[in-house]
């Protein structure tokens, strides 16, 4: 009787077979989602903008480019307007949410 391969090899084979099945069924979006999900398991996602500034150079560059792209998108769609804030008003607070999209984009 042949010995079974190690458990991690069995898991890899099962995942590979599932990916092949999805590809045959034209489920490319699902494959991209699974790959992005796996990427988030192996990469630490920043929780704050300060975290981004403390990342290694290549990761930092990618996240900063994504932030600039998002800000440009807001500006292009006239999402906000910069005005002088009167003393009676409070500024709207905001924060960044860092995640990897299902298609692999930052």
PDB file of N, CA and C in Angstrom:
ATOM      1  N   UNK A   1       0.843  -1.184   0.000  1.00  0.00           N
ATOM      2  CA  UNK A   1       0.000   0.000   0.000  1.00  0.00           C
ATOM      3  C   UNK A   1       0.889   1.248   0.000  1.00  0.00           C
ATOM      4  N   UNK A   2       0.565   2.233  -0.868  1.00  0.00           N
ATOM      5  CA  UNK A   2       1.340   3.468  -0.954  1.00  0.00           C
ATOM      6  C   UNK A   2       1.058   4.349   0.251  1.00  0.00           C
ATOM      7  N   UNK A   3       2.100   5.021   0.725  1.00  0.00           N
ATOM      8  CA  UNK A   3       1.948   5.948   1.845  1.00  0.00           C
ATOM      9  C   UNK A   3       1.276   7.224   1.352  1.00  0.00           C
ATOM     10  N   UNK A   4       0.463   7.829   2.206  1.00  0.00           N
ATOM     11  CA  UNK A   4      -0.194   9.087   1.867  1.00  0.00           C
ATOM     12  C   UNK A   4       0.818  10.225   1.913  1.00  0.00           C
ATOM     13  N   UNK A   5       0.648  11.217   1.047  1.00  0.00           N
ATOM     14  CA  UNK A   5       1.543  12.380   1.117  1.00  0.00           C
ATOM     15  C   UNK A   5       1.286  13.145   2.415  1.00  0.00           C
ATOM     16  N   UNK A   6       2.215  14.004   2.810  1.00  0.00           N
ATOM     17  CA  UNK A   6       2.017  14.808   4.031  1.00  0.00           C
ATOM     18  C   UNK A   6       0.741  15.644   3.937  1.00  0.00           C
ATOM     19  N   UNK A   7       0.174  15.981   5.096  1.00  0.00           N
ATOM     20  CA  UNK A   7      -1.093  16.709   5.158  1.00  0.00           C
ATOM     21  C   UNK A   7      -1.047  18.029   4.397  1.00  0.00           C
ATOM     22  N   UNK A   8       0.059  18.776   4.519  1.00  0.00           N
ATOM     23  CA  UNK A   8       0.130  20.064   3.823  1.00  0.00           C
ATOM     24  C   UNK A   8       0.151  19.875   2.309  1.00  0.00           C
ATOM     25  N   UNK A   9       0.729  18.777   1.855  1.00  0.00           N
ATOM     26  CA  UNK A   9       0.741  18.483   0.422  1.00  0.00           C
ATOM     27  C   UNK A   9      -0.666  18.119  -0.056  1.00  0.00           C
ATOM     28  N   UNK A  10      -1.405  17.370   0.765  1.00  0.00           N
ATOM     29  CA  UNK A  10      -2.797  17.038   0.425  1.00  0.00           C
ATOM     30  C   UNK A  10      -3.635  18.304   0.324  1.00  0.00           C
ATOM     31  N   UNK A  11      -3.446  19.223   1.272  1.00  0.00           N
ATOM     32  CA  UNK A  11      -4.193  20.476   1.262  1.00  0.00           C
ATOM     33  C   UNK A  11      -3.862  21.284   0.020  1.00  0.00           C
ATOM     34  N   UNK A  12      -2.584  21.339  -0.338  1.00  0.00           N
ATOM     35  CA  UNK A  12      -2.168  22.076  -1.528  1.00  0.00           C
ATOM     36  C   UNK A  12      -2.784  21.465  -2.773  1.00  0.00           C
ATOM     37  N   UNK A  13      -2.800  20.141  -2.847  1.00  0.00           N
ATOM     38  CA  UNK A  13      -3.403  19.451  -3.993  1.00  0.00           C
ATOM     39  C   UNK A  13      -4.893  19.749  -4.064  1.00  0.00           C
ATOM     40  N   UNK A  14      -5.578  19.713  -2.939  1.00  0.00           N
ATOM     41  CA  UNK A  14      -7.019  19.996  -2.912  1.00  0.00           C
ATOM     42  C   UNK A  14      -7.292  21.422  -3.366  1.00  0.00           C
ATOM     43  N   UNK A  15      -6.487  22.361  -2.886  1.00  0.00           N
ATOM     44  CA  UNK A  15      -6.666  23.764  -3.278  1.00  0.00           C
ATOM     45  C   UNK A  15      -6.404  23.930  -4.771  1.00  0.00           C
ATOM     46  N   UNK A  16      -5.341  23.307  -5.262  1.00  0.00           N
ATOM     47  CA  UNK A  16      -5.014  23.387  -6.686  1.00  0.00           C
ATOM     48  C   UNK A  16      -6.156  22.816  -7.526  1.00  0.00           C
ATOM     49  N   UNK A  17      -6.681  21.669  -7.126  1.00  0.00           N
ATOM     50  CA  UNK A  17      -7.797  21.056  -7.857  1.00  0.00           C
ATOM     51  C   UNK A  17      -9.026  21.967  -7.855  1.00  0.00           C
ATOM     52  N   UNK A  18      -9.286  22.611  -6.718  1.00  0.00           N
ATOM     53  CA  UNK A  18     -10.427  23.511  -6.621  1.00  0.00           C
ATOM     54  C   UNK A  18     -10.233  24.723  -7.536  1.00  0.00           C
ATOM     55  N   UNK A  19      -9.016  25.255  -7.571  1.00  0.00           N
ATOM     56  CA  UNK A  19      -8.722  26.396  -8.443  1.00  0.00           C
ATOM     57  C   UNK A  19      -8.899  26.017  -9.912  1.00  0.00           C
ATOM     58  N   UNK A  20      -8.457  24.826 -10.283  1.00  0.00           N
ATOM     59  CA  UNK A  20      -8.628  24.349 -11.666  1.00  0.00           C
ATOM     60  C   UNK A  20     -10.115  24.241 -11.990  1.00  0.00           C
ATOM     61  N   UNK A  21     -10.886  23.711 -11.046  1.00  0.00           N
ATOM     62  CA  UNK A  21     -12.340  23.598 -11.240  1.00  0.00           C
ATOM     63  C   UNK A  21     -12.961  24.974 -11.445  1.00  0.00           C
ATOM     64  N   UNK A  22     -12.582  25.930 -10.602  1.00  0.00           N
ATOM     65  CA  UNK A  22     -13.126  27.283 -10.735  1.00  0.00           C
ATOM     66  C   UNK A  22     -12.748  27.898 -12.077  1.00  0.00           C
ATOM     67  N   UNK A  23     -11.521  27.692 -12.495  1.00  0.00           N
ATOM     68  CA  UNK A  23     -11.068  28.237 -13.775  1.00  0.00           C
ATOM     69  C   UNK A  23     -11.886  27.659 -14.918  1.00  0.00           C
ATOM     70  N   UNK A  24     -12.177  26.353 -14.867  1.00  0.00           N
ATOM     71  CA  UNK A  24     -12.987  25.718 -15.913  1.00  0.00           C
ATOM     72  C   UNK A  24     -14.403  26.261 -15.921  1.00  0.00           C
ATOM     73  N   UNK A  25     -14.896  26.645 -14.741  1.00  0.00           N
ATOM     74  CA  UNK A  25     -16.256  27.171 -14.622  1.00  0.00           C
ATOM     75  C   UNK A  25     -16.310  28.681 -14.860  1.00  0.00           C
ATOM     76  N   UNK A  26     -15.192  29.252 -15.277  1.00  0.00           N
ATOM     77  CA  UNK A  26     -15.096  30.689 -15.572  1.00  0.00           C
ATOM     78  C   UNK A  26     -15.341  31.554 -14.331  1.00  0.00           C
ATOM     79  N   UNK A  27     -14.924  31.088 -13.178  1.00  0.00           N
ATOM     80  CA  UNK A  27     -15.086  31.821 -11.928  1.00  0.00           C
ATOM     81  C   UNK A  27     -13.815  32.591 -11.576  1.00  0.00           C
ATOM     82  N   UNK A  28     -13.339  33.369 -12.520  1.00  0.00           N
ATOM     83  CA  UNK A  28     -12.089  34.103 -12.333  1.00  0.00           C
ATOM     84  C   UNK A  28     -12.191  35.086 -11.170  1.00  0.00           C
ATOM     85  N   UNK A  29     -13.336  35.742 -11.013  1.00  0.00           N
ATOM     86  CA  UNK A  29     -13.498  36.702  -9.925  1.00  0.00           C
ATOM     87  C   UNK A  29     -13.326  36.013  -8.575  1.00  0.00           C
ATOM     88  N   UNK A  30     -13.853  34.800  -8.457  1.00  0.00           N
ATOM     89  CA  UNK A  30     -13.734  34.063  -7.202  1.00  0.00           C
ATOM     90  C   UNK A  30     -12.272  33.676  -6.941  1.00  0.00           C
ATOM     91  N   UNK A  31     -11.572  33.299  -7.983  1.00  0.00           N
ATOM     92  CA  UNK A  31     -10.149  32.963  -7.838  1.00  0.00           C
ATOM     93  C   UNK A  31      -9.382  34.196  -7.370  1.00  0.00           C
ATOM     94  N   UNK A  32      -9.656  35.344  -7.975  1.00  0.00           N
ATOM     95  CA  UNK A  32      -8.981  36.586  -7.565  1.00  0.00           C
ATOM     96  C   UNK A  32      -9.279  36.899  -6.102  1.00  0.00           C
ATOM     97  N   UNK A  33     -10.541  36.684  -5.706  1.00  0.00           N
ATOM     98  CA  UNK A  33     -10.916  36.924  -4.318  1.00  0.00           C
ATOM     99  C   UNK A  33     -10.130  36.013  -3.378  1.00  0.00           C
ATOM    100  N   UNK A  34     -10.041  34.735  -3.715  1.00  0.00           N
ATOM    101  CA  UNK A  34      -9.313  33.789  -2.870  1.00  0.00           C
ATOM    102  C   UNK A  34      -7.826  34.147  -2.782  1.00  0.00           C
ATOM    103  N   UNK A  35      -7.257  34.570  -3.896  1.00  0.00           N
ATOM    104  CA  UNK A  35      -5.846  34.958  -3.886  1.00  0.00           C
ATOM    105  C   UNK A  35      -5.628  36.208  -3.044  1.00  0.00           C
ATOM    106  N   UNK A  36      -6.544  37.171  -3.147  1.00  0.00           N
ATOM    107  CA  UNK A  36      -6.431  38.383  -2.334  1.00  0.00           C
ATOM    108  C   UNK A  36      -6.604  38.047  -0.858  1.00  0.00           C
ATOM    109  N   UNK A  37      -7.518  37.133  -0.563  1.00  0.00           N
ATOM    110  CA  UNK A  37      -7.723  36.705   0.811  1.00  0.00           C
ATOM    111  C   UNK A  37      -6.457  36.061   1.355  1.00  0.00           C
ATOM    112  N   UNK A  38      -5.819  35.242   0.559  1.00  0.00           N
ATOM    113  CA  UNK A  38      -4.570  34.598   0.968  1.00  0.00           C
ATOM    114  C   UNK A  38      -3.477  35.651   1.185  1.00  0.00           C
ATOM    115  N   UNK A  39      -3.477  36.669   0.343  1.00  0.00           N
ATOM    116  CA  UNK A  39      -2.476  37.732   0.481  1.00  0.00           C
ATOM    117  C   UNK A  39      -2.644  38.460   1.810  1.00  0.00           C
ATOM    118  N   UNK A  40      -3.897  38.664   2.234  1.00  0.00           N
ATOM    119  CA  UNK A  40      -4.115  39.360   3.502  1.00  0.00           C
ATOM    120  C   UNK A  40      -3.695  38.492   4.680  1.00  0.00           C
ATOM    121  N   UNK A  41      -3.683  37.176   4.501  1.00  0.00           N
ATOM    122  CA  UNK A  41      -3.242  36.291   5.572  1.00  0.00           C
ATOM    123  C   UNK A  41      -1.724  36.333   5.723  1.00  0.00           C
ATOM    124  N   UNK A  42      -1.018  36.600   4.636  1.00  0.00           N
ATOM    125  CA  UNK A  42       0.435  36.573   4.683  1.00  0.00           C
ATOM    126  C   UNK A  42       1.050  37.963   4.840  1.00  0.00           C
ATOM    127  N   UNK A  43       0.272  39.010   4.625  1.00  0.00           N
ATOM    128  CA  UNK A  43       0.765  40.379   4.762  1.00  0.00           C
ATOM    129  C   UNK A  43       0.023  41.070   5.891  1.00  0.00           C
ATOM    130  N   UNK A  44       0.738  41.842   6.654  1.00  0.00           N
ATOM    131  CA  UNK A  44       0.111  42.605   7.723  1.00  0.00           C
ATOM    132  C   UNK A  44      -0.517  43.852   7.106  1.00  0.00           C
ATOM    133  N   UNK A  45      -1.808  44.020   7.330  1.00  0.00           N
ATOM    134  CA  UNK A  45      -2.491  45.205   6.823  1.00  0.00           C
ATOM    135  C   UNK A  45      -2.319  46.349   7.812  1.00  0.00           C
ATOM    136  N   UNK A  46      -1.983  47.537   7.318  1.00  0.00           N
ATOM    137  CA  UNK A  46      -1.862  48.677   8.228  1.00  0.00           C
ATOM    138  C   UNK A  46      -3.226  49.049   8.793  1.00  0.00           C
ATOM    139  N   UNK A  47      -3.243  49.476  10.045  1.00  0.00           N
ATOM    140  CA  UNK A  47      -4.496  49.893  10.671  1.00  0.00           C
ATOM    141  C   UNK A  47      -4.669  51.413  10.620  1.00  0.00           C
ATOM    142  N   UNK A  48      -3.564  52.141  10.577  1.00  0.00           N
ATOM    143  CA  UNK A  48      -3.619  53.599  10.529  1.00  0.00           C
ATOM    144  C   UNK A  48      -2.658  54.101   9.452  1.00  0.00           C
ATOM    145  N   UNK A  49      -2.807  55.372   9.112  1.00  0.00           N
ATOM    146  CA  UNK A  49      -1.898  55.968   8.133  1.00  0.00           C
ATOM    147  C   UNK A  49      -0.469  55.975   8.668  1.00  0.00           C
ATOM    148  N   UNK A  50      -0.334  56.160   9.969  1.00  0.00           N
ATOM    149  CA  UNK A  50       1.000  56.127  10.594  1.00  0.00           C
ATOM    150  C   UNK A  50       1.643  54.752  10.382  1.00  0.00           C
ATOM    151  N   UNK A  51       0.837  53.685  10.466  1.00  0.00           N
ATOM    152  CA  UNK A  51       1.362  52.340  10.207  1.00  0.00           C
ATOM    153  C   UNK A  51       1.934  52.241   8.797  1.00  0.00           C
ATOM    154  N   UNK A  52       1.279  52.888   7.845  1.00  0.00           N
ATOM    155  CA  UNK A  52       1.758  52.865   6.456  1.00  0.00           C
ATOM    156  C   UNK A  52       3.139  53.498   6.367  1.00  0.00           C
ATOM    157  N   UNK A  53       3.326  54.587   7.073  1.00  0.00           N
ATOM    158  CA  UNK A  53       4.612  55.295   7.006  1.00  0.00           C
ATOM    159  C   UNK A  53       5.752  54.499   7.631  1.00  0.00           C
ATOM    160  N   UNK A  54       5.428  53.483   8.419  1.00  0.00           N
ATOM    161  CA  UNK A  54       6.451  52.674   9.084  1.00  0.00           C
ATOM    162  C   UNK A  54       6.702  51.339   8.380  1.00  0.00           C
ATOM    163  N   UNK A  55       6.064  51.102   7.244  1.00  0.00           N
ATOM    164  CA  UNK A  55       6.242  49.854   6.498  1.00  0.00           C
ATOM    165  C   UNK A  55       7.561  49.864   5.725  1.00  0.00           C
ATOM    166  N   UNK A  56       8.009  48.682   5.281  1.00  0.00           N
ATOM    167  CA  UNK A  56       9.176  48.641   4.387  1.00  0.00           C
ATOM    168  C   UNK A  56       8.893  49.452   3.119  1.00  0.00           C
ATOM    169  N   UNK A  57       9.929  49.935   2.486  1.00  0.00           N
ATOM    170  CA  UNK A  57       9.817  50.878   1.365  1.00  0.00           C
ATOM    171  C   UNK A  57       8.860  50.417   0.265  1.00  0.00           C
ATOM    172  N   UNK A  58       8.934  49.148  -0.162  1.00  0.00           N
ATOM    173  CA  UNK A  58       8.083  48.701  -1.271  1.00  0.00           C
ATOM    174  C   UNK A  58       6.605  48.683  -0.879  1.00  0.00           C
ATOM    175  N   UNK A  59       6.275  48.207   0.322  1.00  0.00           N
ATOM    176  CA  UNK A  59       4.883  48.194   0.788  1.00  0.00           C
ATOM    177  C   UNK A  59       4.382  49.613   1.021  1.00  0.00           C
ATOM    178  N   UNK A  60       5.238  50.425   1.613  1.00  0.00           N
ATOM    179  CA  UNK A  60       4.882  51.819   1.882  1.00  0.00           C
ATOM    180  C   UNK A  60       4.527  52.535   0.579  1.00  0.00           C
ATOM    181  N   UNK A  61       5.343  52.328  -0.446  1.00  0.00           N
ATOM    182  CA  UNK A  61       5.108  52.969  -1.743  1.00  0.00           C
ATOM    183  C   UNK A  61       3.756  52.554  -2.326  1.00  0.00           C
ATOM    184  N   UNK A  62       3.451  51.258  -2.257  1.00  0.00           N
ATOM    185  CA  UNK A  62       2.173  50.768  -2.802  1.00  0.00           C
ATOM    186  C   UNK A  62       0.977  51.366  -2.097  1.00  0.00           C
ATOM    187  N   UNK A  63       1.040  51.404  -0.748  1.00  0.00           N
ATOM    188  CA  UNK A  63      -0.082  51.952   0.006  1.00  0.00           C
ATOM    189  C   UNK A  63      -0.221  53.456  -0.229  1.00  0.00           C
ATOM    190  N   UNK A  64       0.890  54.182  -0.269  1.00  0.00           N
ATOM    191  CA  UNK A  64       0.811  55.627  -0.502  1.00  0.00           C
ATOM    192  C   UNK A  64       0.263  55.930  -1.891  1.00  0.00           C
ATOM    193  N   UNK A  65       0.674  55.154  -2.897  1.00  0.00           N
ATOM    194  CA  UNK A  65       0.124  55.327  -4.245  1.00  0.00           C
ATOM    195  C   UNK A  65      -1.390  55.094  -4.243  1.00  0.00           C
ATOM    196  N   UNK A  66      -1.822  54.087  -3.507  1.00  0.00           N
ATOM    197  CA  UNK A  66      -3.258  53.801  -3.416  1.00  0.00           C
ATOM    198  C   UNK A  66      -4.007  54.938  -2.729  1.00  0.00           C
ATOM    199  N   UNK A  67      -3.412  55.494  -1.669  1.00  0.00           N
ATOM    200  CA  UNK A  67      -4.035  56.625  -0.978  1.00  0.00           C
ATOM    201  C   UNK A  67      -4.172  57.823  -1.917  1.00  0.00           C
ATOM    202  N   UNK A  68      -3.109  58.116  -2.647  1.00  0.00           N
ATOM    203  CA  UNK A  68      -3.153  59.250  -3.583  1.00  0.00           C
ATOM    204  C   UNK A  68      -4.178  59.025  -4.687  1.00  0.00           C
ATOM    205  N   UNK A  69      -4.262  57.800  -5.167  1.00  0.00           N
ATOM    206  CA  UNK A  69      -5.250  57.466  -6.196  1.00  0.00           C
ATOM    207  C   UNK A  69      -6.675  57.660  -5.661  1.00  0.00           C
ATOM    208  N   UNK A  70      -6.903  57.256  -4.425  1.00  0.00           N
ATOM    209  CA  UNK A  70      -8.224  57.427  -3.798  1.00  0.00           C
ATOM    210  C   UNK A  70      -8.553  58.907  -3.633  1.00  0.00           C
ATOM    211  N   UNK A  71      -7.596  59.702  -3.165  1.00  0.00           N
ATOM    212  CA  UNK A  71      -7.827  61.137  -3.012  1.00  0.00           C
ATOM    213  C   UNK A  71      -8.102  61.808  -4.355  1.00  0.00           C
ATOM    214  N   UNK A  72      -7.375  61.390  -5.379  1.00  0.00           N
ATOM    215  CA  UNK A  72      -7.590  61.938  -6.722  1.00  0.00           C
ATOM    216  C   UNK A  72      -8.995  61.594  -7.214  1.00  0.00           C
ATOM    217  N   UNK A  73      -9.430  60.379  -6.924  1.00  0.00           N
ATOM    218  CA  UNK A  73     -10.773  59.955  -7.316  1.00  0.00           C
ATOM    219  C   UNK A  73     -11.834  60.826  -6.646  1.00  0.00           C
ATOM    220  N   UNK A  74     -11.639  61.117  -5.350  1.00  0.00           N
ATOM    221  CA  UNK A  74     -12.572  61.996  -4.642  1.00  0.00           C
ATOM    222  C   UNK A  74     -12.607  63.383  -5.280  1.00  0.00           C
ATOM    223  N   UNK A  75     -11.429  63.901  -5.592  1.00  0.00           N
ATOM    224  CA  UNK A  75     -11.350  65.234  -6.187  1.00  0.00           C
ATOM    225  C   UNK A  75     -12.013  65.254  -7.565  1.00  0.00           C
ATOM    226  N   UNK A  76     -11.739  64.232  -8.379  1.00  0.00           N
ATOM    227  CA  UNK A  76     -12.309  64.168  -9.731  1.00  0.00           C
ATOM    228  C   UNK A  76     -13.836  64.092  -9.711  1.00  0.00           C
ATOM    229  N   UNK A  77     -14.390  63.497  -8.654  1.00  0.00           N
ATOM    230  CA  UNK A  77     -15.847  63.353  -8.553  1.00  0.00           C
ATOM    231  C   UNK A  77     -16.495  64.445  -7.706  1.00  0.00           C
ATOM    232  N   UNK A  78     -15.711  65.465  -7.354  1.00  0.00           N
ATOM    233  CA  UNK A  78     -16.211  66.581  -6.530  1.00  0.00           C
ATOM    234  C   UNK A  78     -16.901  66.090  -5.260  1.00  0.00           C
ATOM    235  N   UNK A  79     -16.259  65.165  -4.551  1.00  0.00           N
ATOM    236  CA  UNK A  79     -16.827  64.597  -3.332  1.00  0.00           C
ATOM    237  C   UNK A  79     -16.751  65.588  -2.168  1.00  0.00           C
ATOM    238  N   UNK A  80     -15.774  66.459  -2.192  1.00  0.00           N
ATOM    239  CA  UNK A  80     -15.605  67.383  -1.078  1.00  0.00           C
ATOM    240  C   UNK A  80     -15.251  68.766  -1.598  1.00  0.00           C
ATOM    241  N   UNK A  81     -15.358  69.713  -0.690  1.00  0.00           N
ATOM    242  CA  UNK A  81     -14.984  71.080  -0.997  1.00  0.00           C
ATOM    243  C   UNK A  81     -14.245  71.628   0.218  1.00  0.00           C
ATOM    244  N   UNK A  82     -13.104  72.231   0.005  1.00  0.00           N
ATOM    245  CA  UNK A  82     -12.334  72.804   1.105  1.00  0.00           C
ATOM    246  C   UNK A  82     -12.834  74.217   1.360  1.00  0.00           C
ATOM    247  N   UNK A  83     -13.243  74.442   2.593  1.00  0.00           N
ATOM    248  CA  UNK A  83     -13.768  75.755   2.985  1.00  0.00           C
ATOM    249  C   UNK A  83     -13.169  76.152   4.328  1.00  0.00           C
ATOM    250  N   UNK A  84     -13.282  77.432   4.657  1.00  0.00           N
ATOM    251  CA  UNK A  84     -12.876  77.888   5.985  1.00  0.00           C
ATOM    252  C   UNK A  84     -13.931  77.426   6.986  1.00  0.00           C
ATOM    253  N   UNK A  85     -13.473  76.894   8.102  1.00  0.00           N
ATOM    254  CA  UNK A  85     -14.370  76.375   9.128  1.00  0.00           C
ATOM    255  C   UNK A  85     -14.673  77.480  10.139  1.00  0.00           C
ATOM    256  N   UNK A  86     -15.950  77.770  10.301  1.00  0.00           N
ATOM    257  CA  UNK A  86     -16.309  78.796  11.288  1.00  0.00           C
ATOM    258  C   UNK A  86     -16.119  78.231  12.701  1.00  0.00           C
ATOM    259  N   UNK A  87     -16.043  79.112  13.682  1.00  0.00           N
ATOM    260  CA  UNK A  87     -15.777  78.689  15.060  1.00  0.00           C
ATOM    261  C   UNK A  87     -16.915  77.842  15.635  1.00  0.00           C
ATOM    262  N   UNK A  88     -18.121  77.996  15.124  1.00  0.00           N
ATOM    263  CA  UNK A  88     -19.270  77.255  15.643  1.00  0.00           C
ATOM    264  C   UNK A  88     -19.349  75.827  15.096  1.00  0.00           C
ATOM    265  N   UNK A  89     -18.551  75.524  14.111  1.00  0.00           N
ATOM    266  CA  UNK A  89     -18.625  74.225  13.427  1.00  0.00           C
ATOM    267  C   UNK A  89     -17.458  73.319  13.795  1.00  0.00           C
ATOM    268  N   UNK A  90     -17.699  72.023  13.603  1.00  0.00           N
ATOM    269  CA  UNK A  90     -16.637  71.036  13.802  1.00  0.00           C
ATOM    270  C   UNK A  90     -16.378  70.336  12.468  1.00  0.00           C
ATOM    271  N   UNK A  91     -15.126  70.026  12.239  1.00  0.00           N
ATOM    272  CA  UNK A  91     -14.766  69.321  11.002  1.00  0.00           C
ATOM    273  C   UNK A  91     -15.236  67.869  11.085  1.00  0.00           C
ATOM    274  N   UNK A  92     -15.578  67.325   9.939  1.00  0.00           N
ATOM    275  CA  UNK A  92     -15.962  65.919   9.868  1.00  0.00           C
ATOM    276  C   UNK A  92     -14.691  65.087  10.003  1.00  0.00           C
ATOM    277  N   UNK A  93     -14.690  64.159  10.938  1.00  0.00           N
ATOM    278  CA  UNK A  93     -13.515  63.304  11.126  1.00  0.00           C
ATOM    279  C   UNK A  93     -13.551  62.177  10.110  1.00  0.00           C
ATOM    280  N   UNK A  94     -12.381  61.707   9.750  1.00  0.00           N
ATOM    281  CA  UNK A  94     -12.300  60.599   8.812  1.00  0.00           C
ATOM    282  C   UNK A  94     -11.084  59.757   9.142  1.00  0.00           C
ATOM    283  N   UNK A  95     -11.009  58.612   8.530  1.00  0.00           N
ATOM    284  CA  UNK A  95      -9.871  57.727   8.719  1.00  0.00           C
ATOM    285  C   UNK A  95      -9.746  56.818   7.509  1.00  0.00           C
ATOM    286  N   UNK A  96      -8.576  56.268   7.341  1.00  0.00           N
ATOM    287  CA  UNK A  96      -8.317  55.346   6.244  1.00  0.00           C
ATOM    288  C   UNK A  96      -8.662  53.926   6.679  1.00  0.00           C
ATOM    289  N   UNK A  97      -9.206  53.154   5.758  1.00  0.00           N
ATOM    290  CA  UNK A  97      -9.415  51.724   5.967  1.00  0.00           C
ATOM    291  C   UNK A  97      -8.546  51.024   4.932  1.00  0.00           C
ATOM    292  N   UNK A  98      -7.549  50.300   5.398  1.00  0.00           N
ATOM    293  CA  UNK A  98      -6.597  49.636   4.506  1.00  0.00           C
ATOM    294  C   UNK A  98      -6.974  48.165   4.349  1.00  0.00           C
ATOM    295  N   UNK A  99      -7.161  47.772   3.114  1.00  0.00           N
ATOM    296  CA  UNK A  99      -7.482  46.378   2.816  1.00  0.00           C
ATOM    297  C   UNK A  99      -7.038  46.075   1.396  1.00  0.00           C
ATOM    298  N   UNK A 100      -6.937  44.812   1.084  1.00  0.00           N
ATOM    299  CA  UNK A 100      -6.622  44.404  -0.276  1.00  0.00           C
ATOM    300  C   UNK A 100      -7.924  43.959  -0.912  1.00  0.00           C
ATOM    301  N   UNK A 101      -8.264  44.560  -2.045  1.00  0.00           N
ATOM    302  CA  UNK A 101      -9.521  44.263  -2.726  1.00  0.00           C
ATOM    303  C   UNK A 101      -9.513  42.832  -3.265  1.00  0.00           C
ATOM    304  N   UNK A 102     -10.703  42.286  -3.521  1.00  0.00           N
ATOM    305  CA  UNK A 102     -10.774  40.909  -4.049  1.00  0.00           C
ATOM    306  C   UNK A 102      -9.999  40.704  -5.345  1.00  0.00           C
ATOM    307  N   UNK A 103      -9.801  41.775  -6.122  1.00  0.00           N
ATOM    308  CA  UNK A 103      -9.056  41.609  -7.368  1.00  0.00           C
ATOM    309  C   UNK A 103      -7.552  41.881  -7.182  1.00  0.00           C
ATOM    310  N   UNK A 104      -7.127  42.051  -5.921  1.00  0.00           N
ATOM    311  CA  UNK A 104      -5.712  42.216  -5.623  1.00  0.00           C
ATOM    312  C   UNK A 104      -5.230  43.652  -5.522  1.00  0.00           C
ATOM    313  N   UNK A 105      -6.120  44.621  -5.812  1.00  0.00           N
ATOM    314  CA  UNK A 105      -5.725  46.019  -5.708  1.00  0.00           C
ATOM    315  C   UNK A 105      -5.600  46.423  -4.252  1.00  0.00           C
ATOM    316  N   UNK A 106      -4.685  47.368  -3.989  1.00  0.00           N
ATOM    317  CA  UNK A 106      -4.557  47.930  -2.642  1.00  0.00           C
ATOM    318  C   UNK A 106      -5.497  49.082  -2.504  1.00  0.00           C
TER     319      UNK A 106
END
